[in-house]
Amino acid sequence: MAWLISVAFLASVYFQNQIPIMPMLEGRTFNLMPQQGIPVIYPGTQTQILRYNDAMPGKNLVLKKGQAVTLNVHKQFGDTDTTHWHSLYLSPANDGSPHTPILAGDGWSLTFKILDNAANY
């Protein structure tokens, strides 16, 4: 039984990938630049991703409840994309989806008040 526990422990250490902690941005105005990247997430394998401001997958935005923030998305490459603010409480016009496309060389700016409590979104 002890050998089984030892094997399980060693397997859990060996087969886990460390998740990086993203840098944080604080303030009321955030300039976000989508960029293409091909990092090595799993050893020996490259993965094509879209990241923001040279961070993978993006930087953490520290938003304070009650403050108004401005998010500026500047797209410089490729096809039409959109940026979606997962689970933040805001109007559909500001939430990013297929109805708010961002063309290459174009941008999107929105200002809204933070209504959410502390959490990861």
PDB file of N, CA and C in Angstrom:
ATOM      1  N   MET A   1       0.826  -1.194   0.000  1.00  0.00           N
ATOM      2  CA  MET A   1       0.000   0.000   0.000  1.00  0.00           C
ATOM      3  C   MET A   1       0.873   1.261   0.000  1.00  0.00           C
ATOM      4  N   ALA A   2       1.993   1.221   0.748  1.00  0.00           N
ATOM      5  CA  ALA A   2       2.876   2.392   0.812  1.00  0.00           C
ATOM      6  C   ALA A   2       3.475   2.691  -0.561  1.00  0.00           C
ATOM      7  N   TRP A   3       3.797   1.652  -1.335  1.00  0.00           N
ATOM      8  CA  TRP A   3       4.367   1.885  -2.665  1.00  0.00           C
ATOM      9  C   TRP A   3       3.363   2.558  -3.579  1.00  0.00           C
ATOM     10  N   LEU A   4       2.078   2.219  -3.433  1.00  0.00           N
ATOM     11  CA  LEU A   4       1.029   2.829  -4.245  1.00  0.00           C
ATOM     12  C   LEU A   4       0.908   4.322  -3.936  1.00  0.00           C
ATOM     13  N   ILE A   5       0.981   4.672  -2.675  1.00  0.00           N
ATOM     14  CA  ILE A   5       0.935   6.084  -2.272  1.00  0.00           C
ATOM     15  C   ILE A   5       2.157   6.818  -2.805  1.00  0.00           C
ATOM     16  N   SER A   6       3.323   6.189  -2.735  1.00  0.00           N
ATOM     17  CA  SER A   6       4.552   6.802  -3.255  1.00  0.00           C
ATOM     18  C   SER A   6       4.459   7.036  -4.755  1.00  0.00           C
ATOM     19  N   VAL A   7       3.956   6.066  -5.495  1.00  0.00           N
ATOM     20  CA  VAL A   7       3.807   6.195  -6.946  1.00  0.00           C
ATOM     21  C   VAL A   7       2.812   7.306  -7.273  1.00  0.00           C
ATOM     22  N   ALA A   8       1.708   7.355  -6.563  1.00  0.00           N
ATOM     23  CA  ALA A   8       0.704   8.396  -6.792  1.00  0.00           C
ATOM     24  C   ALA A   8       1.281   9.782  -6.525  1.00  0.00           C
ATOM     25  N   PHE A   9       2.059   9.914  -5.460  1.00  0.00           N
ATOM     26  CA  PHE A   9       2.686  11.197  -5.136  1.00  0.00           C
ATOM     27  C   PHE A   9       3.669  11.612  -6.219  1.00  0.00           C
ATOM     28  N   LEU A  10       4.540  10.708  -6.625  1.00  0.00           N
ATOM     29  CA  LEU A  10       5.527  11.030  -7.660  1.00  0.00           C
ATOM     30  C   LEU A  10       4.860  11.376  -8.989  1.00  0.00           C
ATOM     31  N   ALA A  11       3.812  10.666  -9.341  1.00  0.00           N
ATOM     32  CA  ALA A  11       3.088  10.961 -10.579  1.00  0.00           C
ATOM     33  C   ALA A  11       2.440  12.339 -10.507  1.00  0.00           C
ATOM     34  N   SER A  12       1.882  12.697  -9.348  1.00  0.00           N
ATOM     35  CA  SER A  12       1.230  14.004  -9.224  1.00  0.00           C
ATOM     36  C   SER A  12       2.239  15.135  -9.335  1.00  0.00           C
ATOM     37  N   VAL A  13       3.467  14.925  -8.888  1.00  0.00           N
ATOM     38  CA  VAL A  13       4.514  15.946  -8.996  1.00  0.00           C
ATOM     39  C   VAL A  13       5.033  16.016 -10.430  1.00  0.00           C
ATOM     40  N   TYR A  14       5.276  14.876 -11.041  1.00  0.00           N
ATOM     41  CA  TYR A  14       5.878  14.821 -12.361  1.00  0.00           C
ATOM     42  C   TYR A  14       4.945  15.330 -13.464  1.00  0.00           C
ATOM     43  N   PHE A  15       3.660  15.022 -13.393  1.00  0.00           N
ATOM     44  CA  PHE A  15       2.733  15.313 -14.480  1.00  0.00           C
ATOM     45  C   PHE A  15       2.002  16.647 -14.334  1.00  0.00           C
ATOM     46  N   GLN A  16       2.416  17.496 -13.442  1.00  0.00           N
ATOM     47  CA  GLN A  16       1.735  18.777 -13.285  1.00  0.00           C
ATOM     48  C   GLN A  16       2.535  19.894 -13.926  1.00  0.00           C
ATOM     49  N   ASN A  17       1.826  20.797 -14.610  1.00  0.00           N
ATOM     50  CA  ASN A  17       2.438  21.989 -15.180  1.00  0.00           C
ATOM     51  C   ASN A  17       2.197  23.154 -14.229  1.00  0.00           C
ATOM     52  N   GLN A  18       3.232  23.921 -14.001  1.00  0.00           N
ATOM     53  CA  GLN A  18       3.083  25.088 -13.148  1.00  0.00           C
ATOM     54  C   GLN A  18       2.311  26.164 -13.899  1.00  0.00           C
ATOM     55  N   ILE A  19       1.334  26.760 -13.257  1.00  0.00           N
ATOM     56  CA  ILE A  19       0.543  27.831 -13.853  1.00  0.00           C
ATOM     57  C   ILE A  19       1.170  29.152 -13.454  1.00  0.00           C
ATOM     58  N   PRO A  20       1.557  29.962 -14.442  1.00  0.00           N
ATOM     59  CA  PRO A  20       2.185  31.242 -14.096  1.00  0.00           C
ATOM     60  C   PRO A  20       1.174  32.218 -13.509  1.00  0.00           C
ATOM     61  N   ILE A  21       1.620  33.044 -12.606  1.00  0.00           N
ATOM     62  CA  ILE A  21       0.772  34.101 -12.053  1.00  0.00           C
ATOM     63  C   ILE A  21       1.014  35.347 -12.890  1.00  0.00           C
ATOM     64  N   MET A  22      -0.038  35.883 -13.452  1.00  0.00           N
ATOM     65  CA  MET A  22       0.063  37.005 -14.373  1.00  0.00           C
ATOM     66  C   MET A  22       0.360  38.308 -13.625  1.00  0.00           C
ATOM     67  N   PRO A  23       1.107  39.202 -14.268  1.00  0.00           N
ATOM     68  CA  PRO A  23       1.342  40.522 -13.671  1.00  0.00           C
ATOM     69  C   PRO A  23       0.022  41.277 -13.520  1.00  0.00           C
ATOM     70  N   MET A  24      -0.019  42.215 -12.603  1.00  0.00           N
ATOM     71  CA  MET A  24      -1.237  42.985 -12.357  1.00  0.00           C
ATOM     72  C   MET A  24      -1.093  44.407 -12.867  1.00  0.00           C
ATOM     73  N   LEU A  25      -2.193  44.937 -13.404  1.00  0.00           N
ATOM     74  CA  LEU A  25      -2.275  46.332 -13.801  1.00  0.00           C
ATOM     75  C   LEU A  25      -3.319  46.999 -12.917  1.00  0.00           C
ATOM     76  N   GLU A  26      -2.989  48.137 -12.372  1.00  0.00           N
ATOM     77  CA  GLU A  26      -3.941  48.883 -11.544  1.00  0.00           C
ATOM     78  C   GLU A  26      -4.143  50.262 -12.133  1.00  0.00           C
ATOM     79  N   GLY A  27      -5.297  50.858 -11.866  1.00  0.00           N
ATOM     80  CA  GLY A  27      -5.587  52.205 -12.335  1.00  0.00           C
ATOM     81  C   GLY A  27      -7.028  52.323 -12.791  1.00  0.00           C
ATOM     82  N   ARG A  28      -7.286  53.347 -13.572  1.00  0.00           N
ATOM     83  CA  ARG A  28      -8.631  53.591 -14.093  1.00  0.00           C
ATOM     84  C   ARG A  28      -8.689  53.515 -15.615  1.00  0.00           C
ATOM     85  N   THR A  29      -7.526  53.566 -16.257  1.00  0.00           N
ATOM     86  CA  THR A  29      -7.455  53.456 -17.715  1.00  0.00           C
ATOM     87  C   THR A  29      -6.468  52.354 -18.065  1.00  0.00           C
ATOM     88  N   PHE A  30      -6.912  51.441 -18.910  1.00  0.00           N
ATOM     89  CA  PHE A  30      -6.089  50.294 -19.299  1.00  0.00           C
ATOM     90  C   PHE A  30      -5.995  50.240 -20.816  1.00  0.00           C
ATOM     91  N   ASN A  31      -4.789  50.208 -21.332  1.00  0.00           N
ATOM     92  CA  ASN A  31      -4.544  50.065 -22.761  1.00  0.00           C
ATOM     93  C   ASN A  31      -4.123  48.627 -23.022  1.00  0.00           C
ATOM     94  N   LEU A  32      -4.953  47.921 -23.751  1.00  0.00           N
ATOM     95  CA  LEU A  32      -4.738  46.499 -23.997  1.00  0.00           C
ATOM     96  C   LEU A  32      -4.456  46.275 -25.474  1.00  0.00           C
ATOM     97  N   MET A  33      -3.376  45.565 -25.745  1.00  0.00           N
ATOM     98  CA  MET A  33      -3.000  45.265 -27.125  1.00  0.00           C
ATOM     99  C   MET A  33      -2.995  43.756 -27.352  1.00  0.00           C
ATOM    100  N   PRO A  34      -3.993  43.244 -28.075  1.00  0.00           N
ATOM    101  CA  PRO A  34      -3.965  41.820 -28.422  1.00  0.00           C
ATOM    102  C   PRO A  34      -2.759  41.535 -29.314  1.00  0.00           C
ATOM    103  N   GLN A  35      -2.106  40.406 -29.054  1.00  0.00           N
ATOM    104  CA  GLN A  35      -0.930  40.004 -29.829  1.00  0.00           C
ATOM    105  C   GLN A  35      -0.971  38.500 -30.023  1.00  0.00           C
ATOM    106  N   GLN A  36      -0.415  38.057 -31.130  1.00  0.00           N
ATOM    107  CA  GLN A  36      -0.299  36.630 -31.361  1.00  0.00           C
ATOM    108  C   GLN A  36       0.965  36.121 -30.703  1.00  0.00           C
ATOM    109  N   GLY A  37       0.914  34.896 -30.239  1.00  0.00           N
ATOM    110  CA  GLY A  37       2.080  34.284 -29.628  1.00  0.00           C
ATOM    111  C   GLY A  37       2.067  32.785 -29.841  1.00  0.00           C
ATOM    112  N   ILE A  38       3.237  32.195 -29.755  1.00  0.00           N
ATOM    113  CA  ILE A  38       3.359  30.736 -29.869  1.00  0.00           C
ATOM    114  C   ILE A  38       4.272  30.268 -28.737  1.00  0.00           C
ATOM    115  N   PRO A  39       3.754  30.262 -27.504  1.00  0.00           N
ATOM    116  CA  PRO A  39       4.582  29.833 -26.378  1.00  0.00           C
ATOM    117  C   PRO A  39       4.631  28.319 -26.255  1.00  0.00           C
ATOM    118  N   VAL A  40       5.543  27.859 -25.434  1.00  0.00           N
ATOM    119  CA  VAL A  40       5.617  26.449 -25.085  1.00  0.00           C
ATOM    120  C   VAL A  40       4.908  26.303 -23.736  1.00  0.00           C
ATOM    121  N   ILE A  41       3.690  25.807 -23.765  1.00  0.00           N
ATOM    122  CA  ILE A  41       2.913  25.609 -22.538  1.00  0.00           C
ATOM    123  C   ILE A  41       3.236  24.249 -21.943  1.00  0.00           C
ATOM    124  N   TYR A  42       3.318  23.268 -22.814  1.00  0.00           N
ATOM    125  CA  TYR A  42       3.677  21.913 -22.413  1.00  0.00           C
ATOM    126  C   TYR A  42       5.020  21.617 -23.076  1.00  0.00           C
ATOM    127  N   PRO A  43       5.992  21.112 -22.344  1.00  0.00           N
ATOM    128  CA  PRO A  43       7.333  20.889 -22.902  1.00  0.00           C
ATOM    129  C   PRO A  43       7.302  20.164 -24.248  1.00  0.00           C
ATOM    130  N   GLY A  44       7.977  20.765 -25.238  1.00  0.00           N
ATOM    131  CA  GLY A  44       8.067  20.165 -26.554  1.00  0.00           C
ATOM    132  C   GLY A  44       6.914  20.470 -27.481  1.00  0.00           C
ATOM    133  N   THR A  45       5.941  21.249 -27.029  1.00  0.00           N
ATOM    134  CA  THR A  45       4.765  21.555 -27.837  1.00  0.00           C
ATOM    135  C   THR A  45       4.542  23.057 -27.876  1.00  0.00           C
ATOM    136  N   GLN A  46       4.415  23.606 -29.079  1.00  0.00           N
ATOM    137  CA  GLN A  46       4.097  25.022 -29.215  1.00  0.00           C
ATOM    138  C   GLN A  46       2.596  25.167 -29.440  1.00  0.00           C
ATOM    139  N   THR A  47       2.008  26.211 -28.874  1.00  0.00           N
ATOM    140  CA  THR A  47       0.577  26.436 -28.955  1.00  0.00           C
ATOM    141  C   THR A  47       0.330  27.862 -29.423  1.00  0.00           C
ATOM    142  N   GLN A  48      -0.439  28.034 -30.490  1.00  0.00           N
ATOM    143  CA  GLN A  48      -0.744  29.385 -30.963  1.00  0.00           C
ATOM    144  C   GLN A  48      -1.839  29.973 -30.077  1.00  0.00           C
ATOM    145  N   ILE A  49      -1.579  31.184 -29.542  1.00  0.00           N
ATOM    146  CA  ILE A  49      -2.529  31.829 -28.641  1.00  0.00           C
ATOM    147  C   ILE A  49      -2.685  33.294 -29.010  1.00  0.00           C
ATOM    148  N   LEU A  50      -3.701  33.907 -28.463  1.00  0.00           N
ATOM    149  CA  LEU A  50      -3.871  35.355 -28.499  1.00  0.00           C
ATOM    150  C   LEU A  50      -3.649  35.841 -27.080  1.00  0.00           C
ATOM    151  N   ARG A  51      -2.754  36.781 -26.901  1.00  0.00           N
ATOM    152  CA  ARG A  51      -2.439  37.282 -25.567  1.00  0.00           C
ATOM    153  C   ARG A  51      -2.546  38.801 -25.581  1.00  0.00           C
ATOM    154  N   TYR A  52      -2.458  39.390 -24.419  1.00  0.00           N
ATOM    155  CA  TYR A  52      -2.551  40.843 -24.294  1.00  0.00           C
ATOM    156  C   TYR A  52      -1.282  41.391 -23.646  1.00  0.00           C
ATOM    157  N   ASN A  53      -0.721  42.433 -24.229  1.00  0.00           N
ATOM    158  CA  ASN A  53       0.415  43.165 -23.660  1.00  0.00           C
ATOM    159  C   ASN A  53       1.572  42.246 -23.273  1.00  0.00           C
ATOM    160  N   ASP A  54       1.937  41.349 -24.155  1.00  0.00           N
ATOM    161  CA  ASP A  54       3.084  40.457 -23.959  1.00  0.00           C
ATOM    162  C   ASP A  54       2.972  39.534 -22.757  1.00  0.00           C
ATOM    163  N   ALA A  55       1.801  39.305 -22.239  1.00  0.00           N
ATOM    164  CA  ALA A  55       1.616  38.378 -21.120  1.00  0.00           C
ATOM    165  C   ALA A  55       0.725  37.239 -21.594  1.00  0.00           C
ATOM    166  N   MET A  56       0.917  36.067 -21.031  1.00  0.00           N
ATOM    167  CA  MET A  56       0.113  34.927 -21.420  1.00  0.00           C
ATOM    168  C   MET A  56      -0.690  34.427 -20.227  1.00  0.00           C
ATOM    169  N   PRO A  57      -1.995  34.410 -20.315  1.00  0.00           N
ATOM    170  CA  PRO A  57      -2.829  34.831 -21.430  1.00  0.00           C
ATOM    171  C   PRO A  57      -3.073  36.334 -21.446  1.00  0.00           C
ATOM    172  N   GLY A  58      -2.868  37.011 -20.367  1.00  0.00           N
ATOM    173  CA  GLY A  58      -3.044  38.461 -20.275  1.00  0.00           C
ATOM    174  C   GLY A  58      -2.727  38.894 -18.861  1.00  0.00           C
ATOM    175  N   LYS A  59      -2.681  40.182 -18.651  1.00  0.00           N
ATOM    176  CA  LYS A  59      -2.391  40.681 -17.312  1.00  0.00           C
ATOM    177  C   LYS A  59      -3.683  40.762 -16.504  1.00  0.00           C
ATOM    178  N   ASN A  60      -3.548  40.647 -15.193  1.00  0.00           N
ATOM    179  CA  ASN A  60      -4.704  40.797 -14.312  1.00  0.00           C
ATOM    180  C   ASN A  60      -4.999  42.283 -14.156  1.00  0.00           C
ATOM    181  N   LEU A  61      -6.235  42.654 -14.390  1.00  0.00           N
ATOM    182  CA  LEU A  61      -6.651  44.031 -14.183  1.00  0.00           C
ATOM    183  C   LEU A  61      -7.254  44.132 -12.790  1.00  0.00           C
ATOM    184  N   VAL A  62      -6.730  45.017 -11.968  1.00  0.00           N
ATOM    185  CA  VAL A  62      -7.260  45.227 -10.625  1.00  0.00           C
ATOM    186  C   VAL A  62      -8.268  46.358 -10.718  1.00  0.00           C
ATOM    187  N   LEU A  63      -9.544  46.012 -10.548  1.00  0.00           N
ATOM    188  CA  LEU A  63     -10.638  46.974 -10.667  1.00  0.00           C
ATOM    189  C   LEU A  63     -11.308  47.117  -9.308  1.00  0.00           C
ATOM    190  N   LYS A  64     -11.616  48.339  -8.935  1.00  0.00           N
ATOM    191  CA  LYS A  64     -12.214  48.586  -7.627  1.00  0.00           C
ATOM    192  C   LYS A  64     -13.694  48.922  -7.773  1.00  0.00           C
ATOM    193  N   LYS A  65     -14.521  48.274  -6.960  1.00  0.00           N
ATOM    194  CA  LYS A  65     -15.960  48.489  -7.010  1.00  0.00           C
ATOM    195  C   LYS A  65     -16.281  49.971  -6.812  1.00  0.00           C
ATOM    196  N   GLY A  66     -17.143  50.475  -7.670  1.00  0.00           N
ATOM    197  CA  GLY A  66     -17.580  51.862  -7.573  1.00  0.00           C
ATOM    198  C   GLY A  66     -16.799  52.817  -8.465  1.00  0.00           C
ATOM    199  N   GLN A  67     -15.623  52.438  -8.930  1.00  0.00           N
ATOM    200  CA  GLN A  67     -14.842  53.353  -9.765  1.00  0.00           C
ATOM    201  C   GLN A  67     -15.217  53.175 -11.237  1.00  0.00           C
ATOM    202  N   ALA A  68     -15.082  54.238 -11.998  1.00  0.00           N
ATOM    203  CA  ALA A  68     -15.272  54.170 -13.439  1.00  0.00           C
ATOM    204  C   ALA A  68     -13.928  53.817 -14.071  1.00  0.00           C
ATOM    205  N   VAL A  69     -13.942  52.896 -15.010  1.00  0.00           N
ATOM    206  CA  VAL A  69     -12.716  52.500 -15.698  1.00  0.00           C
ATOM    207  C   VAL A  69     -12.913  52.652 -17.202  1.00  0.00           C
ATOM    208  N   THR A  70     -11.797  52.864 -17.885  1.00  0.00           N
ATOM    209  CA  THR A  70     -11.792  52.919 -19.343  1.00  0.00           C
ATOM    210  C   THR A  70     -10.867  51.822 -19.849  1.00  0.00           C
ATOM    211  N   LEU A  71     -11.375  51.022 -20.753  1.00  0.00           N
ATOM    212  CA  LEU A  71     -10.602  49.949 -21.366  1.00  0.00           C
ATOM    213  C   LEU A  71     -10.442  50.276 -22.845  1.00  0.00           C
ATOM    214  N   ASN A  72      -9.215  50.406 -23.288  1.00  0.00           N
ATOM    215  CA  ASN A  72      -8.905  50.680 -24.685  1.00  0.00           C
ATOM    216  C   ASN A  72      -8.238  49.448 -25.277  1.00  0.00           C
ATOM    217  N   VAL A  73      -8.854  48.878 -26.301  1.00  0.00           N
ATOM    218  CA  VAL A  73      -8.298  47.709 -26.974  1.00  0.00           C
ATOM    219  C   VAL A  73      -7.799  48.173 -28.336  1.00  0.00           C
ATOM    220  N   HIS A  74      -6.511  47.970 -28.604  1.00  0.00           N
ATOM    221  CA  HIS A  74      -5.883  48.399 -29.849  1.00  0.00           C
ATOM    222  C   HIS A  74      -5.422  47.154 -30.611  1.00  0.00           C
ATOM    223  N   LYS A  75      -6.070  46.838 -31.717  1.00  0.00           N
ATOM    224  CA  LYS A  75      -5.751  45.633 -32.501  1.00  0.00           C
ATOM    225  C   LYS A  75      -4.895  46.022 -33.688  1.00  0.00           C
ATOM    226  N   GLN A  76      -3.748  45.389 -33.839  1.00  0.00           N
ATOM    227  CA  GLN A  76      -2.786  45.766 -34.872  1.00  0.00           C
ATOM    228  C   GLN A  76      -2.580  44.728 -35.964  1.00  0.00           C
ATOM    229  N   PHE A  77      -3.236  43.587 -35.919  1.00  0.00           N
ATOM    230  CA  PHE A  77      -2.904  42.506 -36.845  1.00  0.00           C
ATOM    231  C   PHE A  77      -4.127  41.690 -37.212  1.00  0.00           C
ATOM    232  N   GLY A  78      -3.997  40.924 -38.271  1.00  0.00           N
ATOM    233  CA  GLY A  78      -4.861  39.797 -38.599  1.00  0.00           C
ATOM    234  C   GLY A  78      -6.324  40.063 -38.844  1.00  0.00           C
ATOM    235  N   ASP A  79      -7.093  39.068 -38.506  1.00  0.00           N
ATOM    236  CA  ASP A  79      -8.525  39.061 -38.763  1.00  0.00           C
ATOM    237  C   ASP A  79      -9.290  39.894 -37.746  1.00  0.00           C
ATOM    238  N   THR A  80     -10.574  39.986 -37.975  1.00  0.00           N
ATOM    239  CA  THR A  80     -11.481  40.649 -37.051  1.00  0.00           C
ATOM    240  C   THR A  80     -11.628  39.788 -35.799  1.00  0.00           C
ATOM    241  N   ASP A  81     -11.584  40.418 -34.640  1.00  0.00           N
ATOM    242  CA  ASP A  81     -11.728  39.730 -33.361  1.00  0.00           C
ATOM    243  C   ASP A  81     -12.702  40.485 -32.479  1.00  0.00           C
ATOM    244  N   THR A  82     -12.886  39.976 -31.294  1.00  0.00           N
ATOM    245  CA  THR A  82     -13.653  40.670 -30.270  1.00  0.00           C
ATOM    246  C   THR A  82     -12.998  40.371 -28.927  1.00  0.00           C
ATOM    247  N   THR A  83     -13.252  41.224 -27.961  1.00  0.00           N
ATOM    248  CA  THR A  83     -12.765  40.999 -26.593  1.00  0.00           C
ATOM    249  C   THR A  83     -13.975  40.968 -25.678  1.00  0.00           C
ATOM    250  N   HIS A  84     -14.048  39.928 -24.864  1.00  0.00           N
ATOM    251  CA  HIS A  84     -15.203  39.714 -23.975  1.00  0.00           C
ATOM    252  C   HIS A  84     -14.734  39.765 -22.523  1.00  0.00           C
ATOM    253  N   TRP A  85     -15.464  40.452 -21.680  1.00  0.00           N
ATOM    254  CA  TRP A  85     -15.099  40.649 -20.266  1.00  0.00           C
ATOM    255  C   TRP A  85     -15.879  39.646 -19.433  1.00  0.00           C
ATOM    256  N   HIS A  86     -15.359  38.444 -19.331  1.00  0.00           N
ATOM    257  CA  HIS A  86     -16.065  37.326 -18.702  1.00  0.00           C
ATOM    258  C   HIS A  86     -16.673  37.680 -17.357  1.00  0.00           C
ATOM    259  N   SER A  87     -18.004  37.646 -17.307  1.00  0.00           N
ATOM    260  CA  SER A  87     -18.813  37.724 -16.089  1.00  0.00           C
ATOM    261  C   SER A  87     -18.847  39.082 -15.405  1.00  0.00           C
ATOM    262  N   LEU A  88     -18.191  40.106 -15.959  1.00  0.00           N
ATOM    263  CA  LEU A  88     -18.346  41.435 -15.362  1.00  0.00           C
ATOM    264  C   LEU A  88     -19.768  41.918 -15.604  1.00  0.00           C
ATOM    265  N   TYR A  89     -20.306  42.653 -14.653  1.00  0.00           N
ATOM    266  CA  TYR A  89     -21.663  43.181 -14.778  1.00  0.00           C
ATOM    267  C   TYR A  89     -21.589  44.490 -15.545  1.00  0.00           C
ATOM    268  N   LEU A  90     -21.975  44.455 -16.819  1.00  0.00           N
ATOM    269  CA  LEU A  90     -22.021  45.667 -17.630  1.00  0.00           C
ATOM    270  C   LEU A  90     -22.989  45.476 -18.777  1.00  0.00           C
ATOM    271  N   SER A  91     -23.262  46.549 -19.492  1.00  0.00           N
ATOM    272  CA  SER A  91     -24.270  46.493 -20.551  1.00  0.00           C
ATOM    273  C   SER A  91     -23.807  45.603 -21.699  1.00  0.00           C
ATOM    274  N   PRO A  92     -24.748  45.016 -22.439  1.00  0.00           N
ATOM    275  CA  PRO A  92     -24.372  44.175 -23.581  1.00  0.00           C
ATOM    276  C   PRO A  92     -23.526  44.935 -24.606  1.00  0.00           C
ATOM    277  N   ALA A  93     -23.739  46.219 -24.776  1.00  0.00           N
ATOM    278  CA  ALA A  93     -22.954  47.010 -25.734  1.00  0.00           C
ATOM    279  C   ALA A  93     -21.482  47.080 -25.339  1.00  0.00           C
ATOM    280  N   ASN A  94     -21.183  46.932 -24.054  1.00  0.00           N
ATOM    281  CA  ASN A  94     -19.808  47.001 -23.560  1.00  0.00           C
ATOM    282  C   ASN A  94     -19.185  45.637 -23.301  1.00  0.00           C
ATOM    283  N   ASP A  95     -19.959  44.561 -23.436  1.00  0.00           N
ATOM    284  CA  ASP A  95     -19.501  43.247 -23.014  1.00  0.00           C
ATOM    285  C   ASP A  95     -18.625  42.530 -24.028  1.00  0.00           C
ATOM    286  N   GLY A  96     -18.571  42.997 -25.234  1.00  0.00           N
ATOM    287  CA  GLY A  96     -17.736  42.355 -26.250  1.00  0.00           C
ATOM    288  C   GLY A  96     -18.304  41.031 -26.677  1.00  0.00           C
ATOM    289  N   SER A  97     -18.562  40.888 -27.911  1.00  0.00           N
ATOM    290  CA  SER A  97     -19.100  39.666 -28.502  1.00  0.00           C
ATOM    291  C   SER A  97     -19.121  39.894 -30.004  1.00  0.00           C
ATOM    292  N   PRO A  98     -19.718  39.018 -30.780  1.00  0.00           N
ATOM    293  CA  PRO A  98     -19.720  39.239 -32.234  1.00  0.00           C
ATOM    294  C   PRO A  98     -20.345  40.573 -32.667  1.00  0.00           C
ATOM    295  N   HIS A  99     -21.163  41.188 -31.816  1.00  0.00           N
ATOM    296  CA  HIS A  99     -21.753  42.473 -32.228  1.00  0.00           C
ATOM    297  C   HIS A  99     -20.821  43.674 -31.969  1.00  0.00           C
ATOM    298  N   THR A 100     -19.628  43.424 -31.426  1.00  0.00           N
ATOM    299  CA  THR A 100     -18.632  44.488 -31.257  1.00  0.00           C
ATOM    300  C   THR A 100     -17.296  44.033 -31.856  1.00  0.00           C
ATOM    301  N   PRO A 101     -17.226  43.927 -33.192  1.00  0.00           N
ATOM    302  CA  PRO A 101     -15.990  43.464 -33.826  1.00  0.00           C
ATOM    303  C   PRO A 101     -14.892  44.526 -33.747  1.00  0.00           C
ATOM    304  N   ILE A 102     -13.646  44.061 -33.675  1.00  0.00           N
ATOM    305  CA  ILE A 102     -12.482  44.941 -33.705  1.00  0.00           C
ATOM    306  C   ILE A 102     -11.661  44.526 -34.928  1.00  0.00           C
ATOM    307  N   LEU A 103     -11.566  45.420 -35.907  1.00  0.00           N
ATOM    308  CA  LEU A 103     -10.823  45.138 -37.124  1.00  0.00           C
ATOM    309  C   LEU A 103      -9.340  45.373 -36.902  1.00  0.00           C
ATOM    310  N   ALA A 104      -8.503  44.726 -37.711  1.00  0.00           N
ATOM    311  CA  ALA A 104      -7.063  44.938 -37.633  1.00  0.00           C
ATOM    312  C   ALA A 104      -6.759  46.411 -37.889  1.00  0.00           C
ATOM    313  N   GLY A 105      -5.909  47.001 -37.059  1.00  0.00           N
ATOM    314  CA  GLY A 105      -5.565  48.410 -37.172  1.00  0.00           C
ATOM    315  C   GLY A 105      -6.590  49.333 -36.539  1.00  0.00           C
ATOM    316  N   ASP A 106      -7.611  48.757 -35.949  1.00  0.00           N
ATOM    317  CA  ASP A 106      -8.694  49.530 -35.345  1.00  0.00           C
ATOM    318  C   ASP A 106      -8.639  49.387 -33.830  1.00  0.00           C
ATOM    319  N   GLY A 107      -9.541  50.021 -33.151  1.00  0.00           N
ATOM    320  CA  GLY A 107      -9.596  49.921 -31.699  1.00  0.00           C
ATOM    321  C   GLY A 107     -11.019  49.985 -31.188  1.00  0.00           C
ATOM    322  N   TRP A 108     -11.134  49.744 -29.897  1.00  0.00           N
ATOM    323  CA  TRP A 108     -12.435  49.792 -29.225  1.00  0.00           C
ATOM    324  C   TRP A 108     -12.186  50.352 -27.842  1.00  0.00           C
ATOM    325  N   SER A 109     -12.960  51.347 -27.471  1.00  0.00           N
ATOM    326  CA  SER A 109     -12.801  51.960 -26.159  1.00  0.00           C
ATOM    327  C   SER A 109     -14.148  51.971 -25.454  1.00  0.00           C
ATOM    328  N   LEU A 110     -14.148  51.614 -24.200  1.00  0.00           N
ATOM    329  CA  LEU A 110     -15.380  51.643 -23.422  1.00  0.00           C
ATOM    330  C   LEU A 110     -15.079  52.127 -22.010  1.00  0.00           C
ATOM    331  N   THR A 111     -16.038  52.824 -21.446  1.00  0.00           N
ATOM    332  CA  THR A 111     -15.939  53.304 -20.067  1.00  0.00           C
ATOM    333  C   THR A 111     -17.180  52.838 -19.329  1.00  0.00           C
ATOM    334  N   PHE A 112     -16.992  52.276 -18.145  1.00  0.00           N
ATOM    335  CA  PHE A 112     -18.133  51.818 -17.361  1.00  0.00           C
ATOM    336  C   PHE A 112     -17.755  51.818 -15.878  1.00  0.00           C
ATOM    337  N   LYS A 113     -18.761  51.765 -15.043  1.00  0.00           N
ATOM    338  CA  LYS A 113     -18.568  51.738 -13.593  1.00  0.00           C
ATOM    339  C   LYS A 113     -18.527  50.289 -13.126  1.00  0.00           C
ATOM    340  N   ILE A 114     -17.584  49.987 -12.247  1.00  0.00           N
ATOM    341  CA  ILE A 114     -17.456  48.637 -11.705  1.00  0.00           C
ATOM    342  C   ILE A 114     -18.535  48.425 -10.647  1.00  0.00           C
ATOM    343  N   LEU A 115     -19.409  47.455 -10.893  1.00  0.00           N
ATOM    344  CA  LEU A 115     -20.503  47.138  -9.972  1.00  0.00           C
ATOM    345  C   LEU A 115     -20.268  45.827  -9.241  1.00  0.00           C
ATOM    346  N   ASP A 116     -19.229  45.103  -9.618  1.00  0.00           N
ATOM    347  CA  ASP A 116     -18.985  43.773  -9.067  1.00  0.00           C
ATOM    348  C   ASP A 116     -18.233  43.814  -7.743  1.00  0.00           C
ATOM    349  N   ASN A 117     -18.462  42.781  -6.942  1.00  0.00           N
ATOM    350  CA  ASN A 117     -17.686  42.576  -5.715  1.00  0.00           C
ATOM    351  C   ASN A 117     -16.342  41.958  -6.074  1.00  0.00           C
ATOM    352  N   ALA A 118     -15.473  41.878  -5.123  1.00  0.00           N
ATOM    353  CA  ALA A 118     -14.147  41.281  -5.346  1.00  0.00           C
ATOM    354  C   ALA A 118     -14.296  39.829  -5.802  1.00  0.00           C
ATOM    355  N   ALA A 119     -13.581  39.504  -6.890  1.00  0.00           N
ATOM    356  CA  ALA A 119     -13.615  38.151  -7.445  1.00  0.00           C
ATOM    357  C   ALA A 119     -12.662  38.098  -8.625  1.00  0.00           C
ATOM    358  N   ASN A 120     -12.494  36.920  -9.176  1.00  0.00           N
ATOM    359  CA  ASN A 120     -11.742  36.765 -10.427  1.00  0.00           C
ATOM    360  C   ASN A 120     -12.749  36.615 -11.544  1.00  0.00           C
ATOM    361  N   TYR A 121     -12.639  37.456 -12.551  1.00  0.00           N
ATOM    362  CA  TYR A 121     -13.548  37.400 -13.704  1.00  0.00           C
ATOM    363  C   TYR A 121     -12.750  37.174 -14.957  1.00  0.00           C
TER     364      TYR A 121
END
